[in-house]
């Protein structure tokens, strides 16, 4: 299980993938599943780690929420751009 490999020191996806004998995408999926089950797995540009500090966990959650909102805004802008383009029939 991914949580068995994580400590309070960040580890990159590449390192975790090597330890698990899998690819980076699978590591992301494992991290997501563990988070949804309640694991306090944090992330930054340095990698993934487990935290027991409520303030640190909230800070990471706020950062993830902000990124998600930005991505949602970008997706909306792309949809609007697509709607402005003329329809091409091949």
C-alpha atoms as a PDB file:
ATOM      1  CA  UNK A   1       0.000   0.000   0.000  1.00  0.00           C
ATOM      2  CA  UNK A   2       1.251   3.473  -0.884  1.00  0.00           C
ATOM      3  CA  UNK A   3       0.803   4.766   2.664  1.00  0.00           C
ATOM      4  CA  UNK A   4       3.286   2.158   3.894  1.00  0.00           C
ATOM      5  CA  UNK A   5       6.028   3.820   1.826  1.00  0.00           C
ATOM      6  CA  UNK A   6       5.311   7.409   2.775  1.00  0.00           C
ATOM      7  CA  UNK A   7       7.015   9.189   5.664  1.00  0.00           C
ATOM      8  CA  UNK A   8       7.197  12.811   6.775  1.00  0.00           C
ATOM      9  CA  UNK A   9       9.946  13.367   4.185  1.00  0.00           C
ATOM     10  CA  UNK A  10       8.792  14.121   0.610  1.00  0.00           C
ATOM     11  CA  UNK A  11       9.368  11.464  -2.040  1.00  0.00           C
ATOM     12  CA  UNK A  12       8.889  12.033  -5.750  1.00  0.00           C
ATOM     13  CA  UNK A  13       6.472  10.059  -7.924  1.00  0.00           C
ATOM     14  CA  UNK A  14       9.470   8.616  -9.729  1.00  0.00           C
ATOM     15  CA  UNK A  15      10.998   7.269  -6.512  1.00  0.00           C
ATOM     16  CA  UNK A  16       7.663   5.870  -5.335  1.00  0.00           C
ATOM     17  CA  UNK A  17       7.040   4.273  -8.740  1.00  0.00           C
ATOM     18  CA  UNK A  18      10.450   2.589  -8.622  1.00  0.00           C
ATOM     19  CA  UNK A  19       9.811   1.273  -5.103  1.00  0.00           C
ATOM     20  CA  UNK A  20       6.414  -0.085  -6.183  1.00  0.00           C
ATOM     21  CA  UNK A  21       7.568  -1.382  -9.552  1.00  0.00           C
ATOM     22  CA  UNK A  22       4.980   0.663 -11.426  1.00  0.00           C
ATOM     23  CA  UNK A  23       4.644   3.922 -13.354  1.00  0.00           C
ATOM     24  CA  UNK A  24       4.051   7.500 -12.188  1.00  0.00           C
ATOM     25  CA  UNK A  25       0.407   7.526 -13.297  1.00  0.00           C
ATOM     26  CA  UNK A  26      -0.321   4.489 -11.123  1.00  0.00           C
ATOM     27  CA  UNK A  27       1.305   6.252  -8.172  1.00  0.00           C
ATOM     28  CA  UNK A  28      -1.000   9.260  -8.743  1.00  0.00           C
ATOM     29  CA  UNK A  29      -4.008   6.932  -8.782  1.00  0.00           C
ATOM     30  CA  UNK A  30      -2.878   5.240  -5.555  1.00  0.00           C
ATOM     31  CA  UNK A  31      -2.323   8.616  -3.875  1.00  0.00           C
ATOM     32  CA  UNK A  32      -5.781   9.795  -4.950  1.00  0.00           C
ATOM     33  CA  UNK A  33      -7.444   6.600  -3.701  1.00  0.00           C
ATOM     34  CA  UNK A  34      -5.648   6.795  -0.343  1.00  0.00           C
ATOM     35  CA  UNK A  35      -6.593  10.465   0.049  1.00  0.00           C
ATOM     36  CA  UNK A  36     -10.238   9.671  -0.664  1.00  0.00           C
ATOM     37  CA  UNK A  37     -10.059   7.003   2.063  1.00  0.00           C
ATOM     38  CA  UNK A  38      -8.852   9.647   4.518  1.00  0.00           C
ATOM     39  CA  UNK A  39      -5.051   9.454   4.348  1.00  0.00           C
ATOM     40  CA  UNK A  40      -3.398  12.826   4.982  1.00  0.00           C
ATOM     41  CA  UNK A  41      -1.021  12.609   2.024  1.00  0.00           C
ATOM     42  CA  UNK A  42       0.350  16.011   1.128  1.00  0.00           C
ATOM     43  CA  UNK A  43       2.168  17.075  -1.995  1.00  0.00           C
ATOM     44  CA  UNK A  44       4.407  19.803  -3.328  1.00  0.00           C
ATOM     45  CA  UNK A  45       7.031  20.154  -6.023  1.00  0.00           C
ATOM     46  CA  UNK A  46       9.297  18.110  -3.727  1.00  0.00           C
ATOM     47  CA  UNK A  47       7.014  15.058  -3.713  1.00  0.00           C
ATOM     48  CA  UNK A  48       4.481  13.310  -1.492  1.00  0.00           C
ATOM     49  CA  UNK A  49       4.543  12.802   2.268  1.00  0.00           C
ATOM     50  CA  UNK A  50       2.260  12.064   5.206  1.00  0.00           C
ATOM     51  CA  UNK A  51       1.467  14.758   7.740  1.00  0.00           C
ATOM     52  CA  UNK A  52      -0.049  14.736  11.213  1.00  0.00           C
ATOM     53  CA  UNK A  53      -0.133  18.548  11.457  1.00  0.00           C
ATOM     54  CA  UNK A  54      -3.681  19.911  10.968  1.00  0.00           C
ATOM     55  CA  UNK A  55      -2.413  23.337   9.844  1.00  0.00           C
ATOM     56  CA  UNK A  56      -0.106  21.793   7.230  1.00  0.00           C
ATOM     57  CA  UNK A  57      -2.907  19.529   5.994  1.00  0.00           C
ATOM     58  CA  UNK A  58      -5.323  22.465   5.678  1.00  0.00           C
ATOM     59  CA  UNK A  59      -2.694  24.503   3.813  1.00  0.00           C
ATOM     60  CA  UNK A  60      -2.222  21.702   1.276  1.00  0.00           C
ATOM     61  CA  UNK A  61      -5.994  21.246   0.931  1.00  0.00           C
ATOM     62  CA  UNK A  62      -6.412  24.989   0.297  1.00  0.00           C
ATOM     63  CA  UNK A  63      -3.674  24.906  -2.358  1.00  0.00           C
ATOM     64  CA  UNK A  64      -5.289  21.910  -4.093  1.00  0.00           C
ATOM     65  CA  UNK A  65      -8.687  23.637  -4.008  1.00  0.00           C
ATOM     66  CA  UNK A  66      -7.240  26.792  -5.524  1.00  0.00           C
ATOM     67  CA  UNK A  67      -5.620  24.781  -8.326  1.00  0.00           C
ATOM     68  CA  UNK A  68      -8.890  22.976  -9.001  1.00  0.00           C
ATOM     69  CA  UNK A  69     -10.810  26.253  -9.228  1.00  0.00           C
ATOM     70  CA  UNK A  70      -8.219  27.666 -11.616  1.00  0.00           C
ATOM     71  CA  UNK A  71      -8.464  24.556 -13.802  1.00  0.00           C
ATOM     72  CA  UNK A  72     -12.260  24.831 -13.826  1.00  0.00           C
ATOM     73  CA  UNK A  73     -12.023  28.477 -14.891  1.00  0.00           C
ATOM     74  CA  UNK A  74      -9.567  27.547 -17.656  1.00  0.00           C
ATOM     75  CA  UNK A  75     -11.853  24.754 -18.886  1.00  0.00           C
ATOM     76  CA  UNK A  76     -14.744  27.224 -19.098  1.00  0.00           C
ATOM     77  CA  UNK A  77     -12.634  29.673 -21.104  1.00  0.00           C
ATOM     78  CA  UNK A  78     -11.626  26.908 -23.518  1.00  0.00           C
ATOM     79  CA  UNK A  79     -15.264  25.910 -24.022  1.00  0.00           C
ATOM     80  CA  UNK A  80     -16.149  29.528 -24.776  1.00  0.00           C
ATOM     81  CA  UNK A  81     -13.280  29.751 -27.261  1.00  0.00           C
ATOM     82  CA  UNK A  82     -14.497  26.589 -29.000  1.00  0.00           C
ATOM     83  CA  UNK A  83     -18.027  27.963 -29.260  1.00  0.00           C
ATOM     84  CA  UNK A  84     -16.747  31.126 -30.998  1.00  0.00           C
ATOM     85  CA  UNK A  85     -15.027  29.170 -33.759  1.00  0.00           C
ATOM     86  CA  UNK A  86     -16.893  28.530 -36.988  1.00  0.00           C
ATOM     87  CA  UNK A  87     -18.227  25.026 -37.493  1.00  0.00           C
ATOM     88  CA  UNK A  88     -16.307  23.225 -40.204  1.00  0.00           C
ATOM     89  CA  UNK A  89     -17.933  20.467 -42.229  1.00  0.00           C
ATOM     90  CA  UNK A  90     -15.427  18.082 -43.732  1.00  0.00           C
END
